[in-house]
C-alpha atoms as a PDB file:
ATOM      1  CA  MET A   1      -1.712   5.689  27.330  1.00  0.00           C
ATOM      2  CA  SER A   2      -0.910   6.152  23.617  1.00  0.00           C
ATOM      3  CA  GLU A   3       0.635   8.839  21.835  1.00  0.00           C
ATOM      4  CA  TRP A   4      -2.117   8.591  19.685  1.00  0.00           C
ATOM      5  CA  SER A   5      -5.100   8.838  22.555  1.00  0.00           C
ATOM      6  CA  GLY A   6      -7.142  11.736  21.553  1.00  0.00           C
ATOM      7  CA  LYS A   7      -5.441  13.047  18.434  1.00  0.00           C
ATOM      8  CA  LYS A   8      -7.776  13.739  15.494  1.00  0.00           C
ATOM      9  CA  VAL A   9      -6.664  11.896  12.466  1.00  0.00           C
ATOM     10  CA  ALA A  10      -8.252  10.891   8.973  1.00  0.00           C
ATOM     11  CA  VAL A  11      -7.126   8.534   6.668  1.00  0.00           C
ATOM     12  CA  THR A  12      -8.068   7.878   3.399  1.00  0.00           C
ATOM     13  CA  GLY A  13      -8.788   4.721   1.212  1.00  0.00           C
ATOM     14  CA  ALA A  14      -9.651   3.206   5.206  1.00  0.00           C
ATOM     15  CA  GLY A  15     -11.628   0.122   3.369  1.00  0.00           C
ATOM     16  CA  GLY A  16      -8.477  -1.265   1.515  1.00  0.00           C
ATOM     17  CA  PHE A  17      -5.828  -3.781   2.749  1.00  0.00           C
ATOM     18  CA  ILE A  18      -3.027  -1.460   4.089  1.00  0.00           C
ATOM     19  CA  GLY A  19      -6.049   1.356   4.973  1.00  0.00           C
ATOM     20  CA  SER A  20      -8.158  -1.089   7.113  1.00  0.00           C
ATOM     21  CA  HIS A  21      -5.344  -1.985   8.821  1.00  0.00           C
ATOM     22  CA  LEU A  22      -4.092   1.017   9.532  1.00  0.00           C
ATOM     23  CA  VAL A  23      -7.246   2.271  10.798  1.00  0.00           C
ATOM     24  CA  GLU A  24      -8.202  -0.642  13.138  1.00  0.00           C
ATOM     25  CA  ARG A  25      -4.464  -0.119  14.748  1.00  0.00           C
ATOM     26  CA  LEU A  26      -4.874   4.025  15.346  1.00  0.00           C
ATOM     27  CA  ALA A  27      -8.459   3.637  16.792  1.00  0.00           C
ATOM     28  CA  GLU A  28      -6.869   0.626  18.998  1.00  0.00           C
ATOM     29  CA  GLU A  29      -4.456   3.232  19.878  1.00  0.00           C
ATOM     30  CA  GLY A  30      -7.210   5.460  20.840  1.00  0.00           C
ATOM     31  CA  ALA A  31      -6.805   8.548  18.206  1.00  0.00           C
ATOM     32  CA  ASP A  32      -9.857   9.937  16.688  1.00  0.00           C
ATOM     33  CA  VAL A  33     -10.137   8.409  13.246  1.00  0.00           C
ATOM     34  CA  ARG A  34     -12.115  10.030  10.605  1.00  0.00           C
ATOM     35  CA  ALA A  35     -11.743   7.069   8.081  1.00  0.00           C
ATOM     36  CA  LEU A  36     -12.692   7.964   4.316  1.00  0.00           C
ATOM     37  CA  ILE A  37     -14.046   4.735   2.158  1.00  0.00           C
ATOM     38  CA  HIS A  38     -15.237   5.375  -1.680  1.00  0.00           C
ATOM     39  CA  TYR A  39     -18.558   6.363  -2.128  1.00  0.00           C
ATOM     40  CA  ASN A  40     -20.422   3.127  -3.862  1.00  0.00           C
ATOM     41  CA  ALA A  41     -24.223   2.662  -4.076  1.00  0.00           C
ATOM     42  CA  LEU A  42     -24.122  -0.665  -1.906  1.00  0.00           C
ATOM     43  CA  GLY A  43     -23.116   1.419   0.823  1.00  0.00           C
ATOM     44  CA  SER A  44     -20.439  -1.000   1.701  1.00  0.00           C
ATOM     45  CA  TRP A  45     -17.451  -0.135   3.707  1.00  0.00           C
ATOM     46  CA  GLY A  46     -15.032  -2.663   2.287  1.00  0.00           C
ATOM     47  CA  TRP A  47     -12.676  -4.437   4.808  1.00  0.00           C
ATOM     48  CA  LEU A  48     -13.779  -2.335   7.755  1.00  0.00           C
ATOM     49  CA  ASP A  49     -17.678  -3.708   7.586  1.00  0.00           C
ATOM     50  CA  THR A  50     -16.176  -6.466   9.382  1.00  0.00           C
ATOM     51  CA  SER A  51     -13.993  -4.718  11.699  1.00  0.00           C
ATOM     52  CA  MET A  52     -13.778  -4.910  15.026  1.00  0.00           C
ATOM     53  CA  GLN A  53     -13.365  -1.659  15.677  1.00  0.00           C
ATOM     54  CA  ARG A  54     -15.996   0.043  13.494  1.00  0.00           C
ATOM     55  CA  GLU A  55     -18.244   1.675  16.237  1.00  0.00           C
ATOM     56  CA  ARG A  56     -15.131   3.349  17.115  1.00  0.00           C
ATOM     57  CA  ILE A  57     -14.420   4.820  13.799  1.00  0.00           C
ATOM     58  CA  GLU A  58     -16.266   7.598  11.977  1.00  0.00           C
ATOM     59  CA  VAL A  59     -16.424   6.350   8.221  1.00  0.00           C
ATOM     60  CA  VAL A  60     -17.297   9.316   5.753  1.00  0.00           C
ATOM     61  CA  ALA A  61     -17.733   8.562   1.667  1.00  0.00           C
ATOM     62  CA  GLY A  62     -16.121   9.891  -0.823  1.00  0.00           C
ATOM     63  CA  ASP A  63     -14.211  10.443  -3.421  1.00  0.00           C
ATOM     64  CA  VAL A  64     -10.338  11.883  -3.710  1.00  0.00           C
ATOM     65  CA  THR A  65     -11.308  13.140  -6.895  1.00  0.00           C
ATOM     66  CA  ASP A  66     -13.981  15.714  -5.279  1.00  0.00           C
ATOM     67  CA  ARG A  67     -12.414  18.627  -4.370  1.00  0.00           C
ATOM     68  CA  ASP A  68     -15.092  19.896  -1.632  1.00  0.00           C
ATOM     69  CA  SER A  69     -15.416  16.038  -0.209  1.00  0.00           C
ATOM     70  CA  MET A  70     -11.557  16.508   0.813  1.00  0.00           C
ATOM     71  CA  GLN A  71     -12.139  20.128   1.794  1.00  0.00           C
ATOM     72  CA  GLN A  72     -14.983  18.379   4.392  1.00  0.00           C
ATOM     73  CA  PHE A  73     -12.958  14.996   5.295  1.00  0.00           C
ATOM     74  CA  VAL A  74     -10.134  16.443   6.181  1.00  0.00           C
ATOM     75  CA  GLN A  75     -11.301  19.996   8.227  1.00  0.00           C
ATOM     76  CA  ASP A  76     -10.698  19.731  11.893  1.00  0.00           C
ATOM     77  CA  ARG A  77      -8.068  16.978  11.485  1.00  0.00           C
ATOM     78  CA  GLU A  78      -4.737  16.987  13.237  1.00  0.00           C
ATOM     79  CA  ILE A  79      -3.284  14.140  10.876  1.00  0.00           C
ATOM     80  CA  VAL A  80      -3.955  13.120   7.700  1.00  0.00           C
ATOM     81  CA  PHE A  81      -2.661   9.859   6.146  1.00  0.00           C
ATOM     82  CA  HIS A  82      -3.116   9.586   2.237  1.00  0.00           C
ATOM     83  CA  LEU A  83      -3.652   6.099   0.865  1.00  0.00           C
ATOM     84  CA  ALA A  84      -6.648   6.456  -1.632  1.00  0.00           C
ATOM     85  CA  ALA A  85      -5.262   5.339  -5.115  1.00  0.00           C
ATOM     86  CA  LEU A  86      -5.335   2.566  -7.979  1.00  0.00           C
ATOM     87  CA  ILE A  87      -3.227  -0.001  -7.116  1.00  0.00           C
ATOM     88  CA  ALA A  88      -3.381  -2.264  -9.980  1.00  0.00           C
ATOM     89  CA  ILE A  89      -0.818  -2.276 -12.310  1.00  0.00           C
ATOM     90  CA  PRO A  90      -2.435  -4.287 -15.175  1.00  0.00           C
ATOM     91  CA  TYR A  91      -5.566  -2.485 -15.299  1.00  0.00           C
ATOM     92  CA  SER A  92      -3.491   0.593 -15.563  1.00  0.00           C
ATOM     93  CA  TYR A  93      -2.446  -0.550 -19.187  1.00  0.00           C
ATOM     94  CA  ARG A  94      -6.104  -0.600 -19.896  1.00  0.00           C
ATOM     95  CA  ALA A  95      -7.331   3.015 -18.095  1.00  0.00           C
ATOM     96  CA  PRO A  96      -4.220   5.183 -17.682  1.00  0.00           C
ATOM     97  CA  GLU A  97      -6.723   8.585 -17.399  1.00  0.00           C
ATOM     98  CA  SER A  98      -8.711   7.148 -14.340  1.00  0.00           C
ATOM     99  CA  TYR A  99      -5.173   6.746 -12.378  1.00  0.00           C
ATOM    100  CA  VAL A 100      -3.635   9.741 -13.296  1.00  0.00           C
ATOM    101  CA  ARG A 101      -7.109  11.285 -12.053  1.00  0.00           C
ATOM    102  CA  THR A 102      -7.275   9.269  -8.807  1.00  0.00           C
ATOM    103  CA  ASN A 103      -3.569   9.233  -8.038  1.00  0.00           C
ATOM    104  CA  VAL A 104      -2.556  12.871  -9.449  1.00  0.00           C
ATOM    105  CA  LEU A 105      -5.592  14.718  -9.481  1.00  0.00           C
ATOM    106  CA  GLY A 106      -6.905  13.075  -5.650  1.00  0.00           C
ATOM    107  CA  THR A 107      -3.499  13.321  -4.622  1.00  0.00           C
ATOM    108  CA  LEU A 108      -3.303  17.181  -5.520  1.00  0.00           C
ATOM    109  CA  ASN A 109      -7.176  17.596  -3.940  1.00  0.00           C
ATOM    110  CA  VAL A 110      -5.996  15.956  -0.510  1.00  0.00           C
ATOM    111  CA  LEU A 111      -2.898  18.317  -0.244  1.00  0.00           C
ATOM    112  CA  GLN A 112      -5.144  21.128  -0.664  1.00  0.00           C
ATOM    113  CA  ALA A 113      -7.600  20.823   2.088  1.00  0.00           C
ATOM    114  CA  ALA A 114      -4.178  19.376   3.943  1.00  0.00           C
ATOM    115  CA  ARG A 115      -3.347  22.548   3.792  1.00  0.00           C
ATOM    116  CA  ALA A 116      -6.368  24.973   3.988  1.00  0.00           C
ATOM    117  CA  ALA A 117      -7.003  22.814   7.476  1.00  0.00           C
ATOM    118  CA  ARG A 118      -3.451  23.382   8.645  1.00  0.00           C
ATOM    119  CA  VAL A 119      -2.893  20.232   9.613  1.00  0.00           C
ATOM    120  CA  ALA A 120       0.181  19.302  11.543  1.00  0.00           C
ATOM    121  CA  ARG A 121       1.247  16.261   9.301  1.00  0.00           C
ATOM    122  CA  LEU A 122       0.267  14.176   6.214  1.00  0.00           C
ATOM    123  CA  VAL A 123       1.427  11.050   5.777  1.00  0.00           C
ATOM    124  CA  HIS A 124       1.611  10.131   1.534  1.00  0.00           C
ATOM    125  CA  THR A 125       1.707   6.434   0.351  1.00  0.00           C
ATOM    126  CA  SER A 126       4.226   6.120  -2.585  1.00  0.00           C
ATOM    127  CA  THR A 127       5.082   2.724  -4.301  1.00  0.00           C
ATOM    128  CA  SER A 128       8.241   1.256  -4.345  1.00  0.00           C
ATOM    129  CA  GLU A 129       7.313   0.561  -8.101  1.00  0.00           C
ATOM    130  CA  ALA A 130       8.177   4.291  -8.871  1.00  0.00           C
ATOM    131  CA  TYR A 131      11.627   2.770  -8.607  1.00  0.00           C
ATOM    132  CA  GLY A 132      11.756   0.890 -11.520  1.00  0.00           C
ATOM    133  CA  THR A 133      14.160  -2.234 -11.863  1.00  0.00           C
ATOM    134  CA  ALA A 134      16.919  -1.601  -9.653  1.00  0.00           C
ATOM    135  CA  GLN A 135      19.975   0.477 -11.077  1.00  0.00           C
ATOM    136  CA  TYR A 136      21.651  -0.194  -8.122  1.00  0.00           C
ATOM    137  CA  ALA A 137      20.107  -2.673  -5.188  1.00  0.00           C
ATOM    138  CA  PRO A 138      19.438  -2.069  -2.313  1.00  0.00           C
ATOM    139  CA  ILE A 139      17.582   0.485  -3.301  1.00  0.00           C
ATOM    140  CA  ASP A 140      18.056   3.755  -1.481  1.00  0.00           C
ATOM    141  CA  GLU A 141      15.677   6.843  -1.680  1.00  0.00           C
ATOM    142  CA  ARG A 142      18.191   8.558  -3.888  1.00  0.00           C
ATOM    143  CA  HIS A 143      17.393   5.554  -6.638  1.00  0.00           C
ATOM    144  CA  PRO A 144      15.936   7.329  -9.858  1.00  0.00           C
ATOM    145  CA  LEU A 145      12.017   7.380 -10.665  1.00  0.00           C
ATOM    146  CA  GLN A 146      11.224   5.439 -13.678  1.00  0.00           C
ATOM    147  CA  GLY A 147       7.306   5.230 -14.776  1.00  0.00           C
ATOM    148  CA  GLN A 148       7.956   1.396 -16.398  1.00  0.00           C
ATOM    149  CA  SER A 149       3.850   1.743 -16.164  1.00  0.00           C
ATOM    150  CA  PRO A 150       0.973   4.288 -15.834  1.00  0.00           C
ATOM    151  CA  TYR A 151       0.287   2.940 -12.642  1.00  0.00           C
ATOM    152  CA  ALA A 152       4.335   4.208 -11.841  1.00  0.00           C
ATOM    153  CA  ALA A 153       3.944   7.338 -13.694  1.00  0.00           C
ATOM    154  CA  SER A 154       0.878   8.560 -11.989  1.00  0.00           C
ATOM    155  CA  LYS A 155       2.098   7.616  -8.491  1.00  0.00           C
ATOM    156  CA  ILE A 156       5.433   9.244  -9.005  1.00  0.00           C
ATOM    157  CA  GLY A 157       3.090  12.472 -10.307  1.00  0.00           C
ATOM    158  CA  ALA A 158       1.227  12.700  -7.221  1.00  0.00           C
ATOM    159  CA  ASP A 159       4.986  12.080  -5.022  1.00  0.00           C
ATOM    160  CA  LYS A 160       6.180  15.095  -7.197  1.00  0.00           C
ATOM    161  CA  MET A 161       2.864  17.268  -5.849  1.00  0.00           C
ATOM    162  CA  VAL A 162       3.111  16.444  -2.716  1.00  0.00           C
ATOM    163  CA  GLU A 163       7.238  17.450  -3.089  1.00  0.00           C
ATOM    164  CA  ALA A 164       5.920  20.691  -4.739  1.00  0.00           C
ATOM    165  CA  PHE A 165       3.554  21.614  -1.945  1.00  0.00           C
ATOM    166  CA  HIS A 166       5.804  21.096   0.517  1.00  0.00           C
ATOM    167  CA  CYS A 167       8.303  23.313  -1.094  1.00  0.00           C
ATOM    168  CA  ALA A 168       5.832  25.712  -2.699  1.00  0.00           C
ATOM    169  CA  PHE A 169       3.577  26.197   0.538  1.00  0.00           C
ATOM    170  CA  ASP A 170       5.474  24.785   3.439  1.00  0.00           C
ATOM    171  CA  VAL A 171       2.752  21.654   3.559  1.00  0.00           C
ATOM    172  CA  PRO A 172       4.177  19.915   6.043  1.00  0.00           C
ATOM    173  CA  VAL A 173       3.923  16.306   4.315  1.00  0.00           C
ATOM    174  CA  VAL A 174       6.259  12.735   5.056  1.00  0.00           C
ATOM    175  CA  THR A 175       5.951  10.134   1.716  1.00  0.00           C
ATOM    176  CA  VAL A 176       6.367   6.684   3.008  1.00  0.00           C
ATOM    177  CA  ARG A 177       7.589   4.118  -0.187  1.00  0.00           C
ATOM    178  CA  PRO A 178       6.283   0.687   0.783  1.00  0.00           C
ATOM    179  CA  PHE A 179       7.870  -1.947  -1.283  1.00  0.00           C
ATOM    180  CA  ASN A 180       5.923  -5.223  -1.550  1.00  0.00           C
ATOM    181  CA  THR A 181       2.935  -5.465   1.493  1.00  0.00           C
ATOM    182  CA  PHE A 182       1.388  -8.547   2.093  1.00  0.00           C
ATOM    183  CA  GLY A 183      -1.134  -9.808   4.137  1.00  0.00           C
ATOM    184  CA  PRO A 184      -4.348 -10.710   5.160  1.00  0.00           C
ATOM    185  CA  ARG A 185      -7.302  -8.908   3.304  1.00  0.00           C
ATOM    186  CA  GLN A 186      -4.893  -8.713  -0.027  1.00  0.00           C
ATOM    187  CA  SER A 187      -6.602  -8.495  -3.305  1.00  0.00           C
ATOM    188  CA  ALA A 188      -5.920 -11.515  -5.563  1.00  0.00           C
ATOM    189  CA  ARG A 189      -4.701  -9.381  -8.197  1.00  0.00           C
ATOM    190  CA  ALA A 190      -1.278  -9.745  -5.677  1.00  0.00           C
ATOM    191  CA  ILE A 191       1.384 -12.026  -5.898  1.00  0.00           C
ATOM    192  CA  VAL A 192       1.495 -13.588  -2.161  1.00  0.00           C
ATOM    193  CA  PRO A 193      -2.582 -14.394  -2.593  1.00  0.00           C
ATOM    194  CA  ALA A 194      -2.275 -15.156  -6.337  1.00  0.00           C
ATOM    195  CA  ILE A 195      -0.160 -18.413  -4.865  1.00  0.00           C
ATOM    196  CA  ILE A 196      -1.961 -19.135  -1.666  1.00  0.00           C
ATOM    197  CA  THR A 197      -5.553 -19.139  -3.545  1.00  0.00           C
ATOM    198  CA  GLN A 198      -4.214 -21.510  -6.348  1.00  0.00           C
ATOM    199  CA  CYS A 199      -2.454 -23.793  -4.157  1.00  0.00           C
ATOM    200  CA  LEU A 200      -5.672 -24.125  -1.624  1.00  0.00           C
ATOM    201  CA  VAL A 201      -8.352 -25.304  -5.055  1.00  0.00           C
ATOM    202  CA  GLY A 202      -5.858 -26.031  -8.231  1.00  0.00           C
ATOM    203  CA  GLU A 203      -3.179 -29.057  -9.161  1.00  0.00           C
ATOM    204  CA  GLU A 204      -1.220 -25.410 -10.754  1.00  0.00           C
ATOM    205  CA  VAL A 205       0.099 -22.222  -9.670  1.00  0.00           C
ATOM    206  CA  ARG A 206      -0.310 -20.113 -12.696  1.00  0.00           C
ATOM    207  CA  LEU A 207       1.688 -16.943 -12.929  1.00  0.00           C
ATOM    208  CA  GLY A 208       3.841 -14.641 -15.083  1.00  0.00           C
ATOM    209  CA  ASN A 209       7.653 -13.856 -14.995  1.00  0.00           C
ATOM    210  CA  LEU A 210       9.369 -15.874 -12.342  1.00  0.00           C
ATOM    211  CA  GLN A 211      12.266 -13.984 -12.497  1.00  0.00           C
ATOM    212  CA  PRO A 212      11.557 -10.440 -10.953  1.00  0.00           C
ATOM    213  CA  THR A 213      12.581 -10.224  -7.559  1.00  0.00           C
ATOM    214  CA  ARG A 214      10.472  -8.661  -4.760  1.00  0.00           C
ATOM    215  CA  ASP A 215      10.888  -7.188  -1.128  1.00  0.00           C
ATOM    216  CA  LEU A 216       8.297  -8.449   0.387  1.00  0.00           C
ATOM    217  CA  ASN A 217       6.963  -6.968   3.924  1.00  0.00           C
ATOM    218  CA  TYR A 218       4.096  -8.010   6.212  1.00  0.00           C
ATOM    219  CA  VAL A 219       1.345  -5.592   6.380  1.00  0.00           C
ATOM    220  CA  THR A 220       1.884  -5.059  10.427  1.00  0.00           C
ATOM    221  CA  ASN A 221       5.613  -3.627   9.617  1.00  0.00           C
ATOM    222  CA  THR A 222       4.023  -1.485   6.946  1.00  0.00           C
ATOM    223  CA  VAL A 223       1.646   0.017   9.237  1.00  0.00           C
ATOM    224  CA  GLU A 224       3.882   0.764  11.876  1.00  0.00           C
ATOM    225  CA  GLY A 225       5.726   2.701   9.421  1.00  0.00           C
ATOM    226  CA  PHE A 226       2.852   5.035   8.974  1.00  0.00           C
ATOM    227  CA  LEU A 227       2.607   5.792  12.146  1.00  0.00           C
ATOM    228  CA  ARG A 228       6.180   6.560  12.668  1.00  0.00           C
ATOM    229  CA  ALA A 229       6.706   8.836   9.905  1.00  0.00           C
ATOM    230  CA  ALA A 230       3.497  10.540  11.147  1.00  0.00           C
ATOM    231  CA  LEU A 231       5.148  11.411  14.862  1.00  0.00           C
ATOM    232  CA  ALA A 232       8.983  11.722  13.937  1.00  0.00           C
ATOM    233  CA  PRO A 233      10.307  14.883  14.660  1.00  0.00           C
ATOM    234  CA  GLY A 234      11.765  16.898  12.206  1.00  0.00           C
ATOM    235  CA  VAL A 235      11.167  14.524   8.802  1.00  0.00           C
ATOM    236  CA  GLU A 236       8.403  16.797   6.946  1.00  0.00           C
ATOM    237  CA  GLY A 237       9.931  17.049   3.128  1.00  0.00           C
ATOM    238  CA  GLN A 238      11.513  13.333   3.212  1.00  0.00           C
ATOM    239  CA  VAL A 239      10.949  10.598   1.577  1.00  0.00           C
ATOM    240  CA  PHE A 240      11.435   7.088   3.801  1.00  0.00           C
ATOM    241  CA  ASN A 241      10.873   2.800   1.953  1.00  0.00           C
ATOM    242  CA  LEU A 242       9.294   0.992   3.877  1.00  0.00           C
ATOM    243  CA  GLY A 243      10.959  -2.361   2.897  1.00  0.00           C
ATOM    244  CA  SER A 244      12.390  -5.666   4.667  1.00  0.00           C
ATOM    245  CA  SER A 245      16.014  -5.042   2.427  1.00  0.00           C
ATOM    246  CA  ARG A 246      15.320  -9.147   1.528  1.00  0.00           C
ATOM    247  CA  GLU A 247      14.509  -9.786  -2.177  1.00  0.00           C
ATOM    248  CA  ILE A 248      13.146 -13.350  -3.570  1.00  0.00           C
ATOM    249  CA  SER A 249      12.153 -13.992  -6.645  1.00  0.00           C
ATOM    250  CA  ILE A 250       8.859 -14.931  -8.068  1.00  0.00           C
ATOM    251  CA  GLY A 251       9.563 -18.359  -8.307  1.00  0.00           C
ATOM    252  CA  ASP A 252      11.209 -18.823  -4.736  1.00  0.00           C
ATOM    253  CA  LEU A 253       8.272 -17.205  -3.687  1.00  0.00           C
ATOM    254  CA  ALA A 254       5.992 -19.759  -5.087  1.00  0.00           C
ATOM    255  CA  HIS A 255       8.082 -22.760  -4.100  1.00  0.00           C
ATOM    256  CA  MET A 256       8.606 -21.123  -0.232  1.00  0.00           C
ATOM    257  CA  ILE A 257       5.021 -21.209  -0.140  1.00  0.00           C
ATOM    258  CA  MET A 258       4.230 -24.673  -1.545  1.00  0.00           C
ATOM    259  CA  THR A 259       6.139 -26.009   1.067  1.00  0.00           C
ATOM    260  CA  LEU A 260       4.684 -24.093   4.031  1.00  0.00           C
ATOM    261  CA  MET A 261       1.699 -25.421   3.019  1.00  0.00           C
ATOM    262  CA  GLY A 262       2.333 -28.692   2.612  1.00  0.00           C
ATOM    263  CA  ARG A 263       1.908 -28.982  -1.548  1.00  0.00           C
ATOM    264  CA  SER A 264       3.752 -29.537  -4.292  1.00  0.00           C
ATOM    265  CA  LEU A 265       2.302 -28.043  -7.720  1.00  0.00           C
ATOM    266  CA  GLU A 266       2.973 -27.169 -11.055  1.00  0.00           C
ATOM    267  CA  LEU A 267       4.528 -23.482 -12.357  1.00  0.00           C
ATOM    268  CA  ARG A 268       2.645 -22.782 -15.066  1.00  0.00           C
ATOM    269  CA  VAL A 269       3.845 -19.390 -16.767  1.00  0.00           C
ATOM    270  CA  VAL A 270       0.362 -17.764 -18.488  1.00  0.00           C
ATOM    271  CA  GLU A 271       1.048 -14.818 -21.280  1.00  0.00           C
ATOM    272  CA  GLN A 272      -1.449 -13.330 -19.575  1.00  0.00           C
ATOM    273  CA  ARG A 273       0.045 -12.417 -16.936  1.00  0.00           C
ATOM    274  CA  ILE A 274       3.336 -11.125 -17.952  1.00  0.00           C
ATOM    275  CA  ARG A 275       3.820  -7.619 -18.007  1.00  0.00           C
ATOM    276  CA  PRO A 276       4.860  -6.223 -21.643  1.00  0.00           C
ATOM    277  CA  ARG A 277       8.316  -6.237 -22.002  1.00  0.00           C
ATOM    278  CA  GLY A 278       9.679  -2.666 -20.772  1.00  0.00           C
ATOM    279  CA  SER A 279       7.192  -2.442 -18.292  1.00  0.00           C
ATOM    280  CA  GLU A 280       8.318  -5.371 -16.095  1.00  0.00           C
ATOM    281  CA  VAL A 281      10.342  -4.110 -12.828  1.00  0.00           C
ATOM    282  CA  MET A 282      13.179  -6.757 -12.876  1.00  0.00           C
ATOM    283  CA  ARG A 283      14.344  -6.498  -9.372  1.00  0.00           C
ATOM    284  CA  LEU A 284      13.211  -4.649  -5.785  1.00  0.00           C
ATOM    285  CA  GLN A 285      15.324  -4.813  -2.724  1.00  0.00           C
ATOM    286  CA  ALA A 286      14.642  -1.635  -0.189  1.00  0.00           C
ATOM    287  CA  ASP A 287      17.311  -0.065   1.790  1.00  0.00           C
ATOM    288  CA  ASN A 288      15.706   0.777   4.793  1.00  0.00           C
ATOM    289  CA  GLN A 289      18.424   2.508   6.706  1.00  0.00           C
ATOM    290  CA  LYS A 290      17.092   6.129   6.515  1.00  0.00           C
ATOM    291  CA  ALA A 291      13.601   4.593   8.475  1.00  0.00           C
ATOM    292  CA  ARG A 292      15.267   3.023  10.668  1.00  0.00           C
ATOM    293  CA  ARG A 293      17.507   5.615  11.630  1.00  0.00           C
ATOM    294  CA  GLU A 294      15.580   8.615  11.399  1.00  0.00           C
ATOM    295  CA  LEU A 295      11.966   6.610  11.962  1.00  0.00           C
ATOM    296  CA  GLY A 296      13.106   4.345  14.587  1.00  0.00           C
ATOM    297  CA  TRP A 297      11.387   1.503  12.258  1.00  0.00           C
ATOM    298  CA  SER A 298      12.627  -2.137  11.685  1.00  0.00           C
ATOM    299  CA  PRO A 299      10.515  -4.920   9.915  1.00  0.00           C
ATOM    300  CA  ARG A 300       8.991  -7.105  12.807  1.00  0.00           C
ATOM    301  CA  VAL A 301       7.579  -9.567  11.159  1.00  0.00           C
ATOM    302  CA  GLY A 302       9.567 -11.863   8.745  1.00  0.00           C
ATOM    303  CA  LEU A 303       8.759 -13.169   5.742  1.00  0.00           C
ATOM    304  CA  GLU A 304       8.364 -16.970   6.926  1.00  0.00           C
ATOM    305  CA  ASP A 305       6.329 -15.690   9.626  1.00  0.00           C
ATOM    306  CA  GLY A 306       3.852 -13.494   7.466  1.00  0.00           C
ATOM    307  CA  LEU A 307       3.479 -16.008   5.180  1.00  0.00           C
ATOM    308  CA  ARG A 308       1.912 -18.568   8.097  1.00  0.00           C
ATOM    309  CA  THR A 309      -0.378 -15.875   8.692  1.00  0.00           C
ATOM    310  CA  THR A 310      -1.610 -14.919   5.740  1.00  0.00           C
ATOM    311  CA  ILE A 311      -1.622 -18.390   4.507  1.00  0.00           C
ATOM    312  CA  GLN A 312      -4.421 -19.001   7.428  1.00  0.00           C
ATOM    313  CA  TRP A 313      -6.086 -16.401   7.090  1.00  0.00           C
ATOM    314  CA  LEU A 314      -6.576 -17.105   3.390  1.00  0.00           C
ATOM    315  CA  THR A 315      -7.636 -20.820   3.951  1.00  0.00           C
ATOM    316  CA  GLU A 316     -10.322 -19.318   6.606  1.00  0.00           C
ATOM    317  CA  ASN A 317     -11.536 -16.987   4.190  1.00  0.00           C
ATOM    318  CA  GLN A 318     -11.093 -18.252   0.588  1.00  0.00           C
ATOM    319  CA  GLN A 319     -14.715 -17.487  -0.068  1.00  0.00           C
ATOM    320  CA  ARG A 320     -13.979 -14.319  -0.671  1.00  0.00           C
ATOM    321  CA  TYR A 321     -11.844 -15.130  -3.412  1.00  0.00           C
ATOM    322  CA  ARG A 322     -12.311 -16.429  -7.271  1.00  0.00           C
ATOM    323  CA  ALA A 323      -9.216 -18.630  -7.232  1.00  0.00           C
ATOM    324  CA  GLY A 324      -8.121 -19.564 -10.374  1.00  0.00           C
ATOM    325  CA  THR A 325      -9.511 -16.567 -12.021  1.00  0.00           C
ATOM    326  CA  TYR A 326      -6.734 -14.432 -13.193  1.00  0.00           C
ATOM    327  CA  ALA A 327      -7.467 -10.364 -10.780  1.00  0.00           C
ATOM    328  CA  VAL A 328      -6.740  -7.511 -12.901  1.00  0.00           C
END
C-alpha cells in the first residue's frame, strides 16, 4: 500500500497547473484529497474539470483571502499543500495590491487555519523568482532573497510569514522553492508554452529578452518534490530548492524547441514582452543538493524528454490557447 493511502490532505490552488497534477498524483496514491479551487460564477474546477480522478476528489470552492473559508477548508486535515497564488509577473506590475492580498494575506490565512487545526505538516510553495538574479550559481537555499518584481516581493513576504509561524508558533512547515516548472496544462504566459504555441501556428516566435537563463524542471519532478517534502522526517522549518541544476538561455530554449518540432522560425524580440530593466532576473540555476540529501529527491524527467511530452500535449490541445496573443 502507498504511504499516502487514507491520509487526509488538503491542496490550495488545486485547479491550476502544478496543483492539478499534484491532486491527481495524491488521488492515485490513495489519499483522501480535499481540493480548493478559486470560487467563480461559472462553477469551473479549472483543470480538475477534465481530470480522470475527479470522482475521487472532494472539491471545495473558496478563496484563500477569506479567513473563515480557510478555517473550514483545513479542518480535520493532516497535511496541507499551499499552492494558491497569483503568479504572472507582468500582471504584478499592473496590480501589485492584488498580489499582496492573495499571496501574503492568503498565506497568512492558510497558516492560521493550519495552526488551529494542528496539522502534521504544511508544505508551502515559494518560487525561484524570490532569489532574483543569481549573485552566485548554482543558487543554494542560503542565497539572498531579492524582490525584483511585485510578484517576487509578495512571495518573499509569504515565505517570511511561513518562517515566522514556524519560529513563533511551532507550526510544522516546509517550504519548497520550485524553479521553472513546465509541462502540460501550463498557461501560455509561461515561456515554454509561449514558444510551442507560436511554433504550432506562426511563422515567427515573439519573445522578450533572449539572454536570461532559466532552470527548467518538468512538472512530475516538481510534484514528486512536494510529496517528499510532506513526509520527510525532521525537516520542519526548512527550505528546499526543486530545480534541475541545468540552466539554458531563453534564446537557446527557443531553438531547442524548434528543433524538436522540426521547425525553423525567426526569433523576434518584442518590446511588450521585455521586463523593466531592473526587474529582469538574468540568471537562475538551482543547487538541488539539499533536496537530494534530505528529501531523497532528484529530477527524473530531463529537459528534452519533458519538452517532447509538452509539445505533444500542446499539439493535441492547441484549441485551448490563443496562439500568438501575448498572455500577461
